[in-house]
Amino acid sequence: MSTAQPITPQGPAAVSTADTKVFGILSLVLGIASIVAGHTFLVPVAAIVLGIFGLRREPSSRAFSIWGIVLGSVMIALPVLIVAIGVAVLAPLGALALFFG
């Protein structure tokens, strides 16, 4: 009688989870996409979240994750900054219009 040997995957079919860069690459792609779709608020947040996952789970994709986080953060902060500057500039002008009008 022969004993059955367990079948183990070898060659290109074997996938190592240590070498994946999926979260980092997705974070970078969404960070770049948030430049175009930054007004949606969903794309930059997804870039930040995936970048954080990439930093924690995939040390080999650290640069991709960091760039995704940076681009996502900038694209969230930029509209907030533009609105704050707009209010700071236009509110006094509106008060002057009410005073002189």
PDB file of N, CA and C in Angstrom:
ATOM      1  N   MET A   1       0.824  -1.179   0.000  1.00  0.00           N
ATOM      2  CA  MET A   1       0.000   0.000   0.000  1.00  0.00           C
ATOM      3  C   MET A   1       0.872   1.247   0.000  1.00  0.00           C
ATOM      4  N   SER A   2       0.344   2.248  -0.631  1.00  0.00           N
ATOM      5  CA  SER A   2       1.071   3.505  -0.665  1.00  0.00           C
ATOM      6  C   SER A   2       0.396   4.501   0.263  1.00  0.00           C
ATOM      7  N   THR A   3       1.192   5.332   0.831  1.00  0.00           N
ATOM      8  CA  THR A   3       0.639   6.365   1.708  1.00  0.00           C
ATOM      9  C   THR A   3       0.453   7.637   0.899  1.00  0.00           C
ATOM     10  N   ALA A   4      -0.621   8.306   1.150  1.00  0.00           N
ATOM     11  CA  ALA A   4      -0.926   9.536   0.419  1.00  0.00           C
ATOM     12  C   ALA A   4      -0.095  10.682   0.961  1.00  0.00           C
ATOM     13  N   GLN A   5       0.514  11.409   0.083  1.00  0.00           N
ATOM     14  CA  GLN A   5       1.303  12.578   0.446  1.00  0.00           C
ATOM     15  C   GLN A   5       0.427  13.824   0.326  1.00  0.00           C
ATOM     16  N   PRO A   6       0.536  14.754   1.265  1.00  0.00           N
ATOM     17  CA  PRO A   6      -0.241  15.993   1.126  1.00  0.00           C
ATOM     18  C   PRO A   6       0.264  16.805  -0.060  1.00  0.00           C
ATOM     19  N   ILE A   7      -0.653  17.390  -0.766  1.00  0.00           N
ATOM     20  CA  ILE A   7      -0.309  18.199  -1.929  1.00  0.00           C
ATOM     21  C   ILE A   7      -0.036  19.621  -1.469  1.00  0.00           C
ATOM     22  N   THR A   8       1.145  20.119  -1.798  1.00  0.00           N
ATOM     23  CA  THR A   8       1.501  21.494  -1.441  1.00  0.00           C
ATOM     24  C   THR A   8       1.715  22.288  -2.710  1.00  0.00           C
ATOM     25  N   PRO A   9       1.236  23.524  -2.745  1.00  0.00           N
ATOM     26  CA  PRO A   9       1.428  24.326  -3.962  1.00  0.00           C
ATOM     27  C   PRO A   9       2.879  24.752  -4.102  1.00  0.00           C
ATOM     28  N   GLN A  10       3.372  24.636  -5.313  1.00  0.00           N
ATOM     29  CA  GLN A  10       4.734  25.055  -5.604  1.00  0.00           C
ATOM     30  C   GLN A  10       4.747  25.799  -6.924  1.00  0.00           C
ATOM     31  N   GLY A  11       5.755  26.562  -7.120  1.00  0.00           N
ATOM     32  CA  GLY A  11       5.888  27.275  -8.379  1.00  0.00           C
ATOM     33  C   GLY A  11       5.055  28.543  -8.392  1.00  0.00           C
ATOM     34  N   PRO A  12       4.603  28.971  -9.580  1.00  0.00           N
ATOM     35  CA  PRO A  12       3.882  30.242  -9.696  1.00  0.00           C
ATOM     36  C   PRO A  12       2.513  30.223  -9.041  1.00  0.00           C
ATOM     37  N   ALA A  13       1.974  29.029  -8.756  1.00  0.00           N
ATOM     38  CA  ALA A  13       0.656  28.970  -8.134  1.00  0.00           C
ATOM     39  C   ALA A  13       0.713  29.349  -6.658  1.00  0.00           C
ATOM     40  N   ALA A  14       1.855  29.224  -6.040  1.00  0.00           N
ATOM     41  CA  ALA A  14       1.988  29.562  -4.623  1.00  0.00           C
ATOM     42  C   ALA A  14       2.077  31.076  -4.484  1.00  0.00           C
ATOM     43  N   VAL A  15       1.219  31.640  -3.665  1.00  0.00           N
ATOM     44  CA  VAL A  15       1.185  33.080  -3.470  1.00  0.00           C
ATOM     45  C   VAL A  15       1.649  33.387  -2.060  1.00  0.00           C
ATOM     46  N   SER A  16       2.633  34.210  -1.955  1.00  0.00           N
ATOM     47  CA  SER A  16       3.148  34.614  -0.657  1.00  0.00           C
ATOM     48  C   SER A  16       2.492  35.923  -0.252  1.00  0.00           C
ATOM     49  N   THR A  17       1.950  35.964   0.951  1.00  0.00           N
ATOM     50  CA  THR A  17       1.303  37.187   1.409  1.00  0.00           C
ATOM     51  C   THR A  17       2.313  38.220   1.878  1.00  0.00           C
ATOM     52  N   ALA A  18       3.565  37.817   2.067  1.00  0.00           N
ATOM     53  CA  ALA A  18       4.575  38.750   2.549  1.00  0.00           C
ATOM     54  C   ALA A  18       5.019  39.733   1.460  1.00  0.00           C
ATOM     55  N   ASP A  19       4.844  39.376   0.197  1.00  0.00           N
ATOM     56  CA  ASP A  19       5.344  40.217  -0.880  1.00  0.00           C
ATOM     57  C   ASP A  19       4.265  41.074  -1.541  1.00  0.00           C
ATOM     58  N   THR A  20       3.064  41.064  -1.038  1.00  0.00           N
ATOM     59  CA  THR A  20       2.003  41.832  -1.694  1.00  0.00           C
ATOM     60  C   THR A  20       2.152  43.313  -1.387  1.00  0.00           C
ATOM     61  N   LYS A  21       1.720  44.125  -2.327  1.00  0.00           N
ATOM     62  CA  LYS A  21       1.749  45.576  -2.171  1.00  0.00           C
ATOM     63  C   LYS A  21       0.397  46.166  -2.544  1.00  0.00           C
ATOM     64  N   VAL A  22      -0.655  45.383  -2.362  1.00  0.00           N
ATOM     65  CA  VAL A  22      -1.976  45.777  -2.848  1.00  0.00           C
ATOM     66  C   VAL A  22      -2.472  47.039  -2.156  1.00  0.00           C
ATOM     67  N   PHE A  23      -2.415  47.085  -0.835  1.00  0.00           N
ATOM     68  CA  PHE A  23      -2.929  48.254  -0.113  1.00  0.00           C
ATOM     69  C   PHE A  23      -2.138  49.505  -0.448  1.00  0.00           C
ATOM     70  N   GLY A  24      -0.829  49.384  -0.516  1.00  0.00           N
ATOM     71  CA  GLY A  24       0.007  50.539  -0.840  1.00  0.00           C
ATOM     72  C   GLY A  24      -0.251  51.073  -2.236  1.00  0.00           C
ATOM     73  N   ILE A  25      -0.359  50.167  -3.207  1.00  0.00           N
ATOM     74  CA  ILE A  25      -0.601  50.596  -4.586  1.00  0.00           C
ATOM     75  C   ILE A  25      -1.998  51.192  -4.725  1.00  0.00           C
ATOM     76  N   LEU A  26      -3.004  50.559  -4.097  1.00  0.00           N
ATOM     77  CA  LEU A  26      -4.355  51.126  -4.144  1.00  0.00           C
ATOM     78  C   LEU A  26      -4.409  52.492  -3.481  1.00  0.00           C
ATOM     79  N   SER A  27      -3.679  52.659  -2.391  1.00  0.00           N
ATOM     80  CA  SER A  27      -3.640  53.950  -1.718  1.00  0.00           C
ATOM     81  C   SER A  27      -3.035  55.016  -2.623  1.00  0.00           C
ATOM     82  N   LEU A  28      -1.955  54.674  -3.299  1.00  0.00           N
ATOM     83  CA  LEU A  28      -1.317  55.629  -4.209  1.00  0.00           C
ATOM     84  C   LEU A  28      -2.228  55.958  -5.389  1.00  0.00           C
ATOM     85  N   VAL A  29      -2.864  54.951  -5.969  1.00  0.00           N
ATOM     86  CA  VAL A  29      -3.753  55.185  -7.108  1.00  0.00           C
ATOM     87  C   VAL A  29      -4.938  56.054  -6.689  1.00  0.00           C
ATOM     88  N   LEU A  30      -5.522  55.768  -5.539  1.00  0.00           N
ATOM     89  CA  LEU A  30      -6.642  56.594  -5.070  1.00  0.00           C
ATOM     90  C   LEU A  30      -6.175  57.995  -4.671  1.00  0.00           C
ATOM     91  N   GLY A  31      -4.951  58.104  -4.173  1.00  0.00           N
ATOM     92  CA  GLY A  31      -4.404  59.423  -3.871  1.00  0.00           C
ATOM     93  C   GLY A  31      -4.246  60.261  -5.120  1.00  0.00           C
ATOM     94  N   ILE A  32      -3.766  59.639  -6.194  1.00  0.00           N
ATOM     95  CA  ILE A  32      -3.645  60.347  -7.468  1.00  0.00           C
ATOM     96  C   ILE A  32      -5.024  60.654  -8.037  1.00  0.00           C
ATOM     97  N   ALA A  33      -5.946  59.702  -7.922  1.00  0.00           N
ATOM     98  CA  ALA A  33      -7.308  59.924  -8.418  1.00  0.00           C
ATOM     99  C   ALA A  33      -8.016  61.009  -7.615  1.00  0.00           C
ATOM    100  N   SER A  34      -7.639  61.193  -6.365  1.00  0.00           N
ATOM    101  CA  SER A  34      -8.293  62.219  -5.558  1.00  0.00           C
ATOM    102  C   SER A  34      -7.926  63.628  -6.018  1.00  0.00           C
ATOM    103  N   ILE A  35      -6.859  63.764  -6.808  1.00  0.00           N
ATOM    104  CA  ILE A  35      -6.547  65.068  -7.379  1.00  0.00           C
ATOM    105  C   ILE A  35      -7.662  65.493  -8.326  1.00  0.00           C
ATOM    106  N   VAL A  36      -8.189  64.534  -9.069  1.00  0.00           N
ATOM    107  CA  VAL A  36      -9.291  64.815  -9.991  1.00  0.00           C
ATOM    108  C   VAL A  36     -10.634  64.764  -9.270  1.00  0.00           C
ATOM    109  N   ALA A  37     -10.803  63.796  -8.376  1.00  0.00           N
ATOM    110  CA  ALA A  37     -12.090  63.589  -7.712  1.00  0.00           C
ATOM    111  C   ALA A  37     -12.013  63.949  -6.226  1.00  0.00           C
ATOM    112  N   GLY A  38     -11.226  64.954  -5.888  1.00  0.00           N
ATOM    113  CA  GLY A  38     -11.056  65.336  -4.493  1.00  0.00           C
ATOM    114  C   GLY A  38     -12.290  65.933  -3.860  1.00  0.00           C
ATOM    115  N   HIS A  39     -13.180  66.468  -4.687  1.00  0.00           N
ATOM    116  CA  HIS A  39     -14.385  67.087  -4.159  1.00  0.00           C
ATOM    117  C   HIS A  39     -15.400  66.060  -3.669  1.00  0.00           C
ATOM    118  N   THR A  40     -15.178  64.778  -3.965  1.00  0.00           N
ATOM    119  CA  THR A  40     -16.136  63.753  -3.561  1.00  0.00           C
ATOM    120  C   THR A  40     -15.985  63.359  -2.108  1.00  0.00           C
ATOM    121  N   PHE A  41     -14.860  63.616  -1.493  1.00  0.00           N
ATOM    122  CA  PHE A  41     -14.534  63.318  -0.100  1.00  0.00           C
ATOM    123  C   PHE A  41     -14.367  61.823   0.138  1.00  0.00           C
ATOM    124  N   LEU A  42     -14.953  60.981  -0.689  1.00  0.00           N
ATOM    125  CA  LEU A  42     -14.851  59.541  -0.500  1.00  0.00           C
ATOM    126  C   LEU A  42     -13.507  59.006  -0.996  1.00  0.00           C
ATOM    127  N   VAL A  43     -13.038  59.475  -2.116  1.00  0.00           N
ATOM    128  CA  VAL A  43     -11.794  58.975  -2.702  1.00  0.00           C
ATOM    129  C   VAL A  43     -10.582  59.335  -1.827  1.00  0.00           C
ATOM    130  N   PRO A  44     -10.446  60.572  -1.347  1.00  0.00           N
ATOM    131  CA  PRO A  44      -9.301  60.867  -0.478  1.00  0.00           C
ATOM    132  C   PRO A  44      -9.340  60.095   0.842  1.00  0.00           C
ATOM    133  N   VAL A  45     -10.526  59.907   1.400  1.00  0.00           N
ATOM    134  CA  VAL A  45     -10.626  59.144   2.652  1.00  0.00           C
ATOM    135  C   VAL A  45     -10.236  57.690   2.417  1.00  0.00           C
ATOM    136  N   ALA A  46     -10.662  57.121   1.293  1.00  0.00           N
ATOM    137  CA  ALA A  46     -10.276  55.745   0.967  1.00  0.00           C
ATOM    138  C   ALA A  46      -8.769  55.632   0.782  1.00  0.00           C
ATOM    139  N   ALA A  47      -8.156  56.649   0.176  1.00  0.00           N
ATOM    140  CA  ALA A  47      -6.698  56.642   0.000  1.00  0.00           C
ATOM    141  C   ALA A  47      -5.985  56.662   1.354  1.00  0.00           C
ATOM    142  N   ILE A  48      -6.497  57.444   2.276  1.00  0.00           N
ATOM    143  CA  ILE A  48      -5.885  57.516   3.607  1.00  0.00           C
ATOM    144  C   ILE A  48      -6.049  56.204   4.355  1.00  0.00           C
ATOM    145  N   VAL A  49      -7.246  55.642   4.332  1.00  0.00           N
ATOM    146  CA  VAL A  49      -7.507  54.390   5.055  1.00  0.00           C
ATOM    147  C   VAL A  49      -6.664  53.249   4.479  1.00  0.00           C
ATOM    148  N   LEU A  50      -6.636  53.120   3.161  1.00  0.00           N
ATOM    149  CA  LEU A  50      -5.833  52.061   2.558  1.00  0.00           C
ATOM    150  C   LEU A  50      -4.342  52.288   2.790  1.00  0.00           C
ATOM    151  N   GLY A  51      -3.919  53.543   2.856  1.00  0.00           N
ATOM    152  CA  GLY A  51      -2.524  53.832   3.162  1.00  0.00           C
ATOM    153  C   GLY A  51      -2.145  53.409   4.570  1.00  0.00           C
ATOM    154  N   ILE A  52      -3.049  53.623   5.507  1.00  0.00           N
ATOM    155  CA  ILE A  52      -2.788  53.191   6.889  1.00  0.00           C
ATOM    156  C   ILE A  52      -2.744  51.670   6.958  1.00  0.00           C
ATOM    157  N   PHE A  53      -3.673  51.000   6.280  1.00  0.00           N
ATOM    158  CA  PHE A  53      -3.629  49.530   6.232  1.00  0.00           C
ATOM    159  C   PHE A  53      -2.320  49.057   5.598  1.00  0.00           C
ATOM    160  N   GLY A  54      -1.906  49.734   4.546  1.00  0.00           N
ATOM    161  CA  GLY A  54      -0.666  49.365   3.870  1.00  0.00           C
ATOM    162  C   GLY A  54       0.556  49.538   4.757  1.00  0.00           C
ATOM    163  N   LEU A  55       0.583  50.597   5.558  1.00  0.00           N
ATOM    164  CA  LEU A  55       1.711  50.799   6.468  1.00  0.00           C
ATOM    165  C   LEU A  55       1.776  49.708   7.521  1.00  0.00           C
ATOM    166  N   ARG A  56       0.627  49.281   7.997  1.00  0.00           N
ATOM    167  CA  ARG A  56       0.612  48.283   9.074  1.00  0.00           C
ATOM    168  C   ARG A  56       0.824  46.861   8.566  1.00  0.00           C
ATOM    169  N   ARG A  57       0.306  46.542   7.385  1.00  0.00           N
ATOM    170  CA  ARG A  57       0.330  45.150   6.921  1.00  0.00           C
ATOM    171  C   ARG A  57       1.391  44.861   5.874  1.00  0.00           C
ATOM    172  N   GLU A  58       1.856  45.864   5.171  1.00  0.00           N
ATOM    173  CA  GLU A  58       2.785  45.640   4.061  1.00  0.00           C
ATOM    174  C   GLU A  58       3.986  46.576   4.169  1.00  0.00           C
ATOM    175  N   PRO A  59       4.987  46.195   4.910  1.00  0.00           N
ATOM    176  CA  PRO A  59       6.154  47.065   5.050  1.00  0.00           C
ATOM    177  C   PRO A  59       6.886  47.310   3.730  1.00  0.00           C
ATOM    178  N   SER A  60       6.747  46.410   2.768  1.00  0.00           N
ATOM    179  CA  SER A  60       7.457  46.581   1.498  1.00  0.00           C
ATOM    180  C   SER A  60       6.834  47.674   0.628  1.00  0.00           C
ATOM    181  N   SER A  61       5.608  48.069   0.930  1.00  0.00           N
ATOM    182  CA  SER A  61       4.950  49.122   0.140  1.00  0.00           C
ATOM    183  C   SER A  61       4.845  50.421   0.927  1.00  0.00           C
ATOM    184  N   ARG A  62       5.814  50.668   1.779  1.00  0.00           N
ATOM    185  CA  ARG A  62       5.781  51.844   2.653  1.00  0.00           C
ATOM    186  C   ARG A  62       5.721  53.158   1.869  1.00  0.00           C
ATOM    187  N   ALA A  63       6.510  53.296   0.829  1.00  0.00           N
ATOM    188  CA  ALA A  63       6.542  54.548   0.057  1.00  0.00           C
ATOM    189  C   ALA A  63       5.208  54.792  -0.644  1.00  0.00           C
ATOM    190  N   PHE A  64       4.624  53.733  -1.229  1.00  0.00           N
ATOM    191  CA  PHE A  64       3.319  53.876  -1.872  1.00  0.00           C
ATOM    192  C   PHE A  64       2.268  54.325  -0.863  1.00  0.00           C
ATOM    193  N   SER A  65       2.287  53.700   0.317  1.00  0.00           N
ATOM    194  CA  SER A  65       1.293  54.025   1.341  1.00  0.00           C
ATOM    195  C   SER A  65       1.438  55.462   1.828  1.00  0.00           C
ATOM    196  N   ILE A  66       2.662  55.875   2.048  1.00  0.00           N
ATOM    197  CA  ILE A  66       2.893  57.247   2.535  1.00  0.00           C
ATOM    198  C   ILE A  66       2.433  58.266   1.506  1.00  0.00           C
ATOM    199  N   TRP A  67       2.739  58.039   0.224  1.00  0.00           N
ATOM    200  CA  TRP A  67       2.303  58.981  -0.807  1.00  0.00           C
ATOM    201  C   TRP A  67       0.788  58.994  -0.937  1.00  0.00           C
ATOM    202  N   GLY A  68       0.149  57.847  -0.782  1.00  0.00           N
ATOM    203  CA  GLY A  68      -1.315  57.812  -0.809  1.00  0.00           C
ATOM    204  C   GLY A  68      -1.920  58.594   0.332  1.00  0.00           C
ATOM    205  N   ILE A  69      -1.333  58.455   1.524  1.00  0.00           N
ATOM    206  CA  ILE A  69      -1.817  59.203   2.692  1.00  0.00           C
ATOM    207  C   ILE A  69      -1.600  60.693   2.495  1.00  0.00           C
ATOM    208  N   VAL A  70      -0.438  61.080   2.001  1.00  0.00           N
ATOM    209  CA  VAL A  70      -0.135  62.503   1.798  1.00  0.00           C
ATOM    210  C   VAL A  70      -1.086  63.123   0.772  1.00  0.00           C
ATOM    211  N   LEU A  71      -1.253  62.466  -0.368  1.00  0.00           N
ATOM    212  CA  LEU A  71      -2.135  63.013  -1.400  1.00  0.00           C
ATOM    213  C   LEU A  71      -3.584  63.069  -0.928  1.00  0.00           C
ATOM    214  N   GLY A  72      -4.041  62.024  -0.248  1.00  0.00           N
ATOM    215  CA  GLY A  72      -5.406  62.034   0.281  1.00  0.00           C
ATOM    216  C   GLY A  72      -5.614  63.130   1.304  1.00  0.00           C
ATOM    217  N   SER A  73      -4.639  63.327   2.184  1.00  0.00           N
ATOM    218  CA  SER A  73      -4.757  64.368   3.210  1.00  0.00           C
ATOM    219  C   SER A  73      -4.768  65.766   2.605  1.00  0.00           C
ATOM    220  N   VAL A  74      -3.902  65.977   1.620  1.00  0.00           N
ATOM    221  CA  VAL A  74      -3.862  67.295   0.967  1.00  0.00           C
ATOM    222  C   VAL A  74      -5.184  67.573   0.265  1.00  0.00           C
ATOM    223  N   MET A  75      -5.735  66.556  -0.388  1.00  0.00           N
ATOM    224  CA  MET A  75      -6.978  66.773  -1.129  1.00  0.00           C
ATOM    225  C   MET A  75      -8.192  66.889  -0.219  1.00  0.00           C
ATOM    226  N   ILE A  76      -8.075  66.475   1.031  1.00  0.00           N
ATOM    227  CA  ILE A  76      -9.144  66.753   1.999  1.00  0.00           C
ATOM    228  C   ILE A  76      -8.960  68.147   2.587  1.00  0.00           C
ATOM    229  N   ALA A  77      -7.714  68.518   2.875  1.00  0.00           N
ATOM    230  CA  ALA A  77      -7.454  69.805   3.511  1.00  0.00           C
ATOM    231  C   ALA A  77      -7.611  70.983   2.553  1.00  0.00           C
ATOM    232  N   LEU A  78      -7.355  70.776   1.278  1.00  0.00           N
ATOM    233  CA  LEU A  78      -7.394  71.871   0.311  1.00  0.00           C
ATOM    234  C   LEU A  78      -8.776  72.513   0.192  1.00  0.00           C
ATOM    235  N   PRO A  79      -9.862  71.769   0.008  1.00  0.00           N
ATOM    236  CA  PRO A  79     -11.181  72.428  -0.061  1.00  0.00           C
ATOM    237  C   PRO A  79     -11.566  73.133   1.244  1.00  0.00           C
ATOM    238  N   VAL A  80     -11.174  72.545   2.361  1.00  0.00           N
ATOM    239  CA  VAL A  80     -11.470  73.179   3.653  1.00  0.00           C
ATOM    240  C   VAL A  80     -10.725  74.506   3.756  1.00  0.00           C
ATOM    241  N   LEU A  81      -9.480  74.527   3.321  1.00  0.00           N
ATOM    242  CA  LEU A  81      -8.691  75.756   3.346  1.00  0.00           C
ATOM    243  C   LEU A  81      -9.256  76.806   2.395  1.00  0.00           C
ATOM    244  N   ILE A  82      -9.681  76.384   1.222  1.00  0.00           N
ATOM    245  CA  ILE A  82     -10.258  77.324   0.255  1.00  0.00           C
ATOM    246  C   ILE A  82     -11.546  77.936   0.795  1.00  0.00           C
ATOM    247  N   VAL A  83     -12.388  77.135   1.428  1.00  0.00           N
ATOM    248  CA  VAL A  83     -13.638  77.650   1.998  1.00  0.00           C
ATOM    249  C   VAL A  83     -13.331  78.607   3.141  1.00  0.00           C
ATOM    250  N   ALA A  84     -12.369  78.273   3.986  1.00  0.00           N
ATOM    251  CA  ALA A  84     -12.021  79.152   5.108  1.00  0.00           C
ATOM    252  C   ALA A  84     -11.490  80.498   4.613  1.00  0.00           C
ATOM    253  N   ILE A  85     -10.640  80.474   3.604  1.00  0.00           N
ATOM    254  CA  ILE A  85     -10.121  81.728   3.046  1.00  0.00           C
ATOM    255  C   ILE A  85     -11.244  82.514   2.383  1.00  0.00           C
ATOM    256  N   GLY A  86     -12.129  81.815   1.667  1.00  0.00           N
ATOM    257  CA  GLY A  86     -13.259  82.492   1.023  1.00  0.00           C
ATOM    258  C   GLY A  86     -14.165  83.171   2.031  1.00  0.00           C
ATOM    259  N   VAL A  87     -14.449  82.501   3.127  1.00  0.00           N
ATOM    260  CA  VAL A  87     -15.285  83.111   4.167  1.00  0.00           C
ATOM    261  C   VAL A  87     -14.566  84.285   4.812  1.00  0.00           C
ATOM    262  N   ALA A  88     -13.271  84.129   5.051  1.00  0.00           N
ATOM    263  CA  ALA A  88     -12.515  85.205   5.680  1.00  0.00           C
ATOM    264  C   ALA A  88     -12.433  86.446   4.792  1.00  0.00           C
ATOM    265  N   VAL A  89     -12.421  86.263   3.480  1.00  0.00           N
ATOM    266  CA  VAL A  89     -12.322  87.401   2.568  1.00  0.00           C
ATOM    267  C   VAL A  89     -13.703  87.969   2.254  1.00  0.00           C
ATOM    268  N   LEU A  90     -14.676  87.108   2.014  1.00  0.00           N
ATOM    269  CA  LEU A  90     -15.984  87.579   1.566  1.00  0.00           C
ATOM    270  C   LEU A  90     -16.885  88.077   2.694  1.00  0.00           C
ATOM    271  N   ALA A  91     -16.710  87.597   3.910  1.00  0.00           N
ATOM    272  CA  ALA A  91     -17.571  88.040   5.015  1.00  0.00           C
ATOM    273  C   ALA A  91     -17.381  89.529   5.300  1.00  0.00           C
ATOM    274  N   PRO A  92     -16.160  90.044   5.378  1.00  0.00           N
ATOM    275  CA  PRO A  92     -16.028  91.501   5.578  1.00  0.00           C
ATOM    276  C   PRO A  92     -16.575  92.314   4.409  1.00  0.00           C
ATOM    277  N   LEU A  93     -16.442  91.792   3.198  1.00  0.00           N
ATOM    278  CA  LEU A  93     -16.993  92.513   2.056  1.00  0.00           C
ATOM    279  C   LEU A  93     -18.520  92.562   2.114  1.00  0.00           C
ATOM    280  N   GLY A  94     -19.122  91.475   2.592  1.00  0.00           N
ATOM    281  CA  GLY A  94     -20.582  91.473   2.757  1.00  0.00           C
ATOM    282  C   GLY A  94     -21.016  92.439   3.826  1.00  0.00           C
ATOM    283  N   ALA A  95     -20.237  92.555   4.905  1.00  0.00           N
ATOM    284  CA  ALA A  95     -20.567  93.514   5.955  1.00  0.00           C
ATOM    285  C   ALA A  95     -20.435  94.939   5.447  1.00  0.00           C
ATOM    286  N   LEU A  96     -19.432  95.209   4.629  1.00  0.00           N
ATOM    287  CA  LEU A  96     -19.275  96.544   4.052  1.00  0.00           C
ATOM    288  C   LEU A  96     -20.423  96.851   3.103  1.00  0.00           C
ATOM    289  N   ALA A  97     -20.878  95.893   2.360  1.00  0.00           N
ATOM    290  CA  ALA A  97     -21.984  96.109   1.433  1.00  0.00           C
ATOM    291  C   ALA A  97     -23.254  96.432   2.203  1.00  0.00           C
ATOM    292  N   LEU A  98     -23.464  95.789   3.352  1.00  0.00           N
ATOM    293  CA  LEU A  98     -24.641  96.087   4.164  1.00  0.00           C
ATOM    294  C   LEU A  98     -24.541  97.469   4.798  1.00  0.00           C
ATOM    295  N   PHE A  99     -23.298  97.851   5.184  1.00  0.00           N
ATOM    296  CA  PHE A  99     -23.111  99.143   5.831  1.00  0.00           C
ATOM    297  C   PHE A  99     -23.297 100.313   4.857  1.00  0.00           C
ATOM    298  N   PHE A 100     -22.755 100.169   3.653  1.00  0.00           N
ATOM    299  CA  PHE A 100     -22.827 101.260   2.700  1.00  0.00           C
ATOM    300  C   PHE A 100     -24.008 101.151   1.752  1.00  0.00           C
ATOM    301  N   GLY A 101     -24.697 100.027   1.756  1.00  0.00           N
ATOM    302  CA  GLY A 101     -25.761  99.829   0.784  1.00  0.00           C
ATOM    303  C   GLY A 101     -27.070 100.139   1.300  1.00  0.00           C
TER     304      GLY A 101
END
